[in-house]
Amino acid sequence: MTSERLRLWLERGAAGYHLRDAATGEPVRWEDPRLRVVPVAGVTFRPGNVDDVSFDPGRRLERTLQAGYVPRETAAELAGDEQAVSLWRVEGGLRVLVVPADAWVATPRR
C-alpha cells in the first residue's frame, strides 16, 4: 500500500457499498493497490455471526464478535494497525475493506 493518504467515500449499493475517491470523485475498484477488499474466511464455522448488526455494511469492525478470519495470504501482508470496514454482505459471506490506519473513510452526508 502506498504512503499517500487514502480518502474514500462509501456509496450505497444493493448489498453493501461501492468505493469512490474523495479527492477526484472517480470510482475506486476493489483491486486498487492502495487498499484490500478481503472475503472473510471461515464464516460457516460461526453460524449467524455474520448476520449480526455489527457487520452491517458501512460499519467499522471492532474486535468484539468474530465472523471469521482474514485469509492467511492477506494476513501476512498486513501491518496490524489497519482499519477494517464491513463493505459487502452476500449469501452468508462478508467482504471487508482494509485500509491503512491513516486513511479517511466515510459515507456522504444525506
C-alpha atoms as a PDB file:
ATOM      1  CA  MET A   1       0.000   0.000   0.000  1.00  0.00           C
ATOM      2  CA  THR A   2       1.263   3.479  -0.829  1.00  0.00           C
ATOM      3  CA  SER A   3       2.186   6.261   1.609  1.00  0.00           C
ATOM      4  CA  GLU A   4      -0.245   8.823   0.071  1.00  0.00           C
ATOM      5  CA  ARG A   5      -3.225   9.334   2.388  1.00  0.00           C
ATOM      6  CA  LEU A   6      -6.238   7.493   1.042  1.00  0.00           C
ATOM      7  CA  ARG A   7      -9.640   9.234   1.206  1.00  0.00           C
ATOM      8  CA  LEU A   8     -12.729   7.221   0.279  1.00  0.00           C
ATOM      9  CA  TRP A   9     -16.452   7.791   0.122  1.00  0.00           C
ATOM     10  CA  LEU A  10     -18.637   4.717   0.625  1.00  0.00           C
ATOM     11  CA  GLU A  11     -21.596   4.817  -1.775  1.00  0.00           C
ATOM     12  CA  ARG A  12     -24.605   2.581  -1.128  1.00  0.00           C
ATOM     13  CA  GLY A  13     -25.163  -0.377  -3.456  1.00  0.00           C
ATOM     14  CA  ALA A  14     -27.637  -3.287  -3.401  1.00  0.00           C
ATOM     15  CA  ALA A  15     -25.867  -5.400  -0.740  1.00  0.00           C
ATOM     16  CA  GLY A  16     -23.214  -3.001   0.522  1.00  0.00           C
ATOM     17  CA  TYR A  17     -21.021  -0.148  -0.646  1.00  0.00           C
ATOM     18  CA  HIS A  18     -19.096   0.922  -3.718  1.00  0.00           C
ATOM     19  CA  LEU A  19     -15.924   2.980  -3.305  1.00  0.00           C
ATOM     20  CA  ARG A  20     -15.253   6.487  -4.635  1.00  0.00           C
ATOM     21  CA  ASP A  21     -12.051   8.524  -4.325  1.00  0.00           C
ATOM     22  CA  ALA A  22     -12.964  11.593  -2.236  1.00  0.00           C
ATOM     23  CA  ALA A  23     -10.175  13.663  -3.844  1.00  0.00           C
ATOM     24  CA  THR A  24     -11.031  13.000  -7.503  1.00  0.00           C
ATOM     25  CA  GLY A  25     -14.630  11.755  -7.428  1.00  0.00           C
ATOM     26  CA  GLU A  26     -13.572   8.751  -9.505  1.00  0.00           C
ATOM     27  CA  PRO A  27     -14.823   5.221  -8.727  1.00  0.00           C
ATOM     28  CA  VAL A  28     -12.268   3.030  -6.928  1.00  0.00           C
ATOM     29  CA  ARG A  29     -12.086  -0.634  -7.867  1.00  0.00           C
ATOM     30  CA  TRP A  30     -11.674  -3.357  -5.244  1.00  0.00           C
ATOM     31  CA  GLU A  31      -8.377  -4.277  -6.920  1.00  0.00           C
ATOM     32  CA  ASP A  32      -6.855  -0.819  -6.250  1.00  0.00           C
ATOM     33  CA  PRO A  33      -3.322  -1.275  -4.801  1.00  0.00           C
ATOM     34  CA  ARG A  34      -3.977   1.312  -2.052  1.00  0.00           C
ATOM     35  CA  LEU A  35      -6.461  -0.972  -0.303  1.00  0.00           C
ATOM     36  CA  ARG A  36      -7.611  -4.546   0.157  1.00  0.00           C
ATOM     37  CA  VAL A  37     -11.096  -5.968  -0.164  1.00  0.00           C
ATOM     38  CA  VAL A  38     -10.993  -9.269   1.647  1.00  0.00           C
ATOM     39  CA  PRO A  39     -13.556 -12.070   1.700  1.00  0.00           C
ATOM     40  CA  VAL A  40     -13.898 -13.168   5.310  1.00  0.00           C
ATOM     41  CA  ALA A  41     -12.999 -16.852   5.546  1.00  0.00           C
ATOM     42  CA  GLY A  42     -14.488 -19.376   7.943  1.00  0.00           C
ATOM     43  CA  VAL A  43     -17.938 -17.787   8.338  1.00  0.00           C
ATOM     44  CA  THR A  44     -19.590 -21.217   8.156  1.00  0.00           C
ATOM     45  CA  PHE A  45     -17.920 -22.126  11.461  1.00  0.00           C
ATOM     46  CA  ARG A  46     -19.723 -19.261  13.218  1.00  0.00           C
ATOM     47  CA  PRO A  47     -23.335 -19.543  12.003  1.00  0.00           C
ATOM     48  CA  GLY A  48     -25.311 -16.335  12.387  1.00  0.00           C
ATOM     49  CA  ASN A  49     -22.407 -14.118  13.444  1.00  0.00           C
ATOM     50  CA  VAL A  50     -22.048 -12.526  10.008  1.00  0.00           C
ATOM     51  CA  ASP A  51     -25.743 -11.514  10.221  1.00  0.00           C
ATOM     52  CA  ASP A  52     -25.139  -9.500  13.418  1.00  0.00           C
ATOM     53  CA  VAL A  53     -25.676  -5.718  13.057  1.00  0.00           C
ATOM     54  CA  SER A  54     -22.022  -5.142  13.985  1.00  0.00           C
ATOM     55  CA  PHE A  55     -21.159  -6.497  10.496  1.00  0.00           C
ATOM     56  CA  ASP A  56     -23.690  -4.375   8.589  1.00  0.00           C
ATOM     57  CA  PRO A  57     -22.098  -2.816   5.501  1.00  0.00           C
ATOM     58  CA  GLY A  58     -20.556   0.554   6.313  1.00  0.00           C
ATOM     59  CA  ARG A  59     -19.772  -0.326   9.937  1.00  0.00           C
ATOM     60  CA  ARG A  60     -16.217  -0.116  11.219  1.00  0.00           C
ATOM     61  CA  LEU A  61     -15.238  -3.507  12.535  1.00  0.00           C
ATOM     62  CA  GLU A  62     -14.097  -3.927  16.095  1.00  0.00           C
ATOM     63  CA  ARG A  63     -12.795  -6.993  17.844  1.00  0.00           C
ATOM     64  CA  THR A  64     -15.973  -7.783  19.762  1.00  0.00           C
ATOM     65  CA  LEU A  65     -17.692 -10.510  17.728  1.00  0.00           C
ATOM     66  CA  GLN A  66     -15.856 -12.766  15.311  1.00  0.00           C
ATOM     67  CA  ALA A  67     -17.421 -13.722  11.982  1.00  0.00           C
ATOM     68  CA  GLY A  68     -14.385 -15.461  10.531  1.00  0.00           C
ATOM     69  CA  TYR A  69     -10.792 -14.627   9.753  1.00  0.00           C
ATOM     70  CA  VAL A  70      -8.598 -12.881   7.195  1.00  0.00           C
ATOM     71  CA  PRO A  71      -7.145 -15.423   4.761  1.00  0.00           C
ATOM     72  CA  ARG A  72      -3.522 -16.369   5.527  1.00  0.00           C
ATOM     73  CA  GLU A  73      -2.133 -14.891   2.290  1.00  0.00           C
ATOM     74  CA  THR A  74      -3.654 -11.491   3.081  1.00  0.00           C
ATOM     75  CA  ALA A  75      -2.859 -11.563   6.809  1.00  0.00           C
ATOM     76  CA  ALA A  76       0.853 -11.957   6.049  1.00  0.00           C
ATOM     77  CA  GLU A  77       0.785  -8.653   4.132  1.00  0.00           C
ATOM     78  CA  LEU A  78      -0.895  -6.598   6.886  1.00  0.00           C
ATOM     79  CA  ALA A  79       0.873  -4.477   9.496  1.00  0.00           C
ATOM     80  CA  GLY A  80      -1.833  -4.947  12.130  1.00  0.00           C
ATOM     81  CA  ASP A  81      -2.857  -1.295  12.573  1.00  0.00           C
ATOM     82  CA  GLU A  82      -5.148  -1.088   9.545  1.00  0.00           C
ATOM     83  CA  GLN A  83      -8.785  -0.004   9.632  1.00  0.00           C
ATOM     84  CA  ALA A  84     -11.445  -2.548   8.667  1.00  0.00           C
ATOM     85  CA  VAL A  85     -14.914  -1.628   7.413  1.00  0.00           C
ATOM     86  CA  SER A  86     -17.693  -4.048   6.501  1.00  0.00           C
ATOM     87  CA  LEU A  87     -18.225  -3.438   2.803  1.00  0.00           C
ATOM     88  CA  TRP A  88     -20.481  -6.067   1.268  1.00  0.00           C
ATOM     89  CA  ARG A  89     -22.673  -8.908   2.564  1.00  0.00           C
ATOM     90  CA  VAL A  90     -23.554 -11.662   0.095  1.00  0.00           C
ATOM     91  CA  GLU A  91     -25.214 -15.058   0.652  1.00  0.00           C
ATOM     92  CA  GLY A  92     -23.882 -15.611   4.167  1.00  0.00           C
ATOM     93  CA  GLY A  93     -20.470 -14.182   3.252  1.00  0.00           C
ATOM     94  CA  LEU A  94     -18.835 -10.879   4.042  1.00  0.00           C
ATOM     95  CA  ARG A  95     -16.362  -8.641   2.207  1.00  0.00           C
ATOM     96  CA  VAL A  96     -14.262  -6.312   4.329  1.00  0.00           C
ATOM     97  CA  LEU A  97     -12.437  -3.171   3.248  1.00  0.00           C
ATOM     98  CA  VAL A  98      -8.943  -2.987   4.788  1.00  0.00           C
ATOM     99  CA  VAL A  99      -7.162   0.370   4.517  1.00  0.00           C
ATOM    100  CA  PRO A 100      -4.121   1.988   6.159  1.00  0.00           C
ATOM    101  CA  ALA A 101      -4.569   3.388   9.664  1.00  0.00           C
ATOM    102  CA  ASP A 102      -4.410   6.990   8.413  1.00  0.00           C
ATOM    103  CA  ALA A 103      -6.994   6.533   5.628  1.00  0.00           C
ATOM    104  CA  TRP A 104     -10.177   8.598   5.687  1.00  0.00           C
ATOM    105  CA  VAL A 105     -13.325   6.538   5.012  1.00  0.00           C
ATOM    106  CA  ALA A 106     -16.836   7.994   5.267  1.00  0.00           C
ATOM    107  CA  THR A 107     -20.323   7.919   3.829  1.00  0.00           C
ATOM    108  CA  PRO A 108     -21.649  11.056   2.105  1.00  0.00           C
ATOM    109  CA  ARG A 109     -23.923  13.297   4.154  1.00  0.00           C
ATOM    110  CA  ARG A 110     -27.598  12.951   3.348  1.00  0.00           C
END
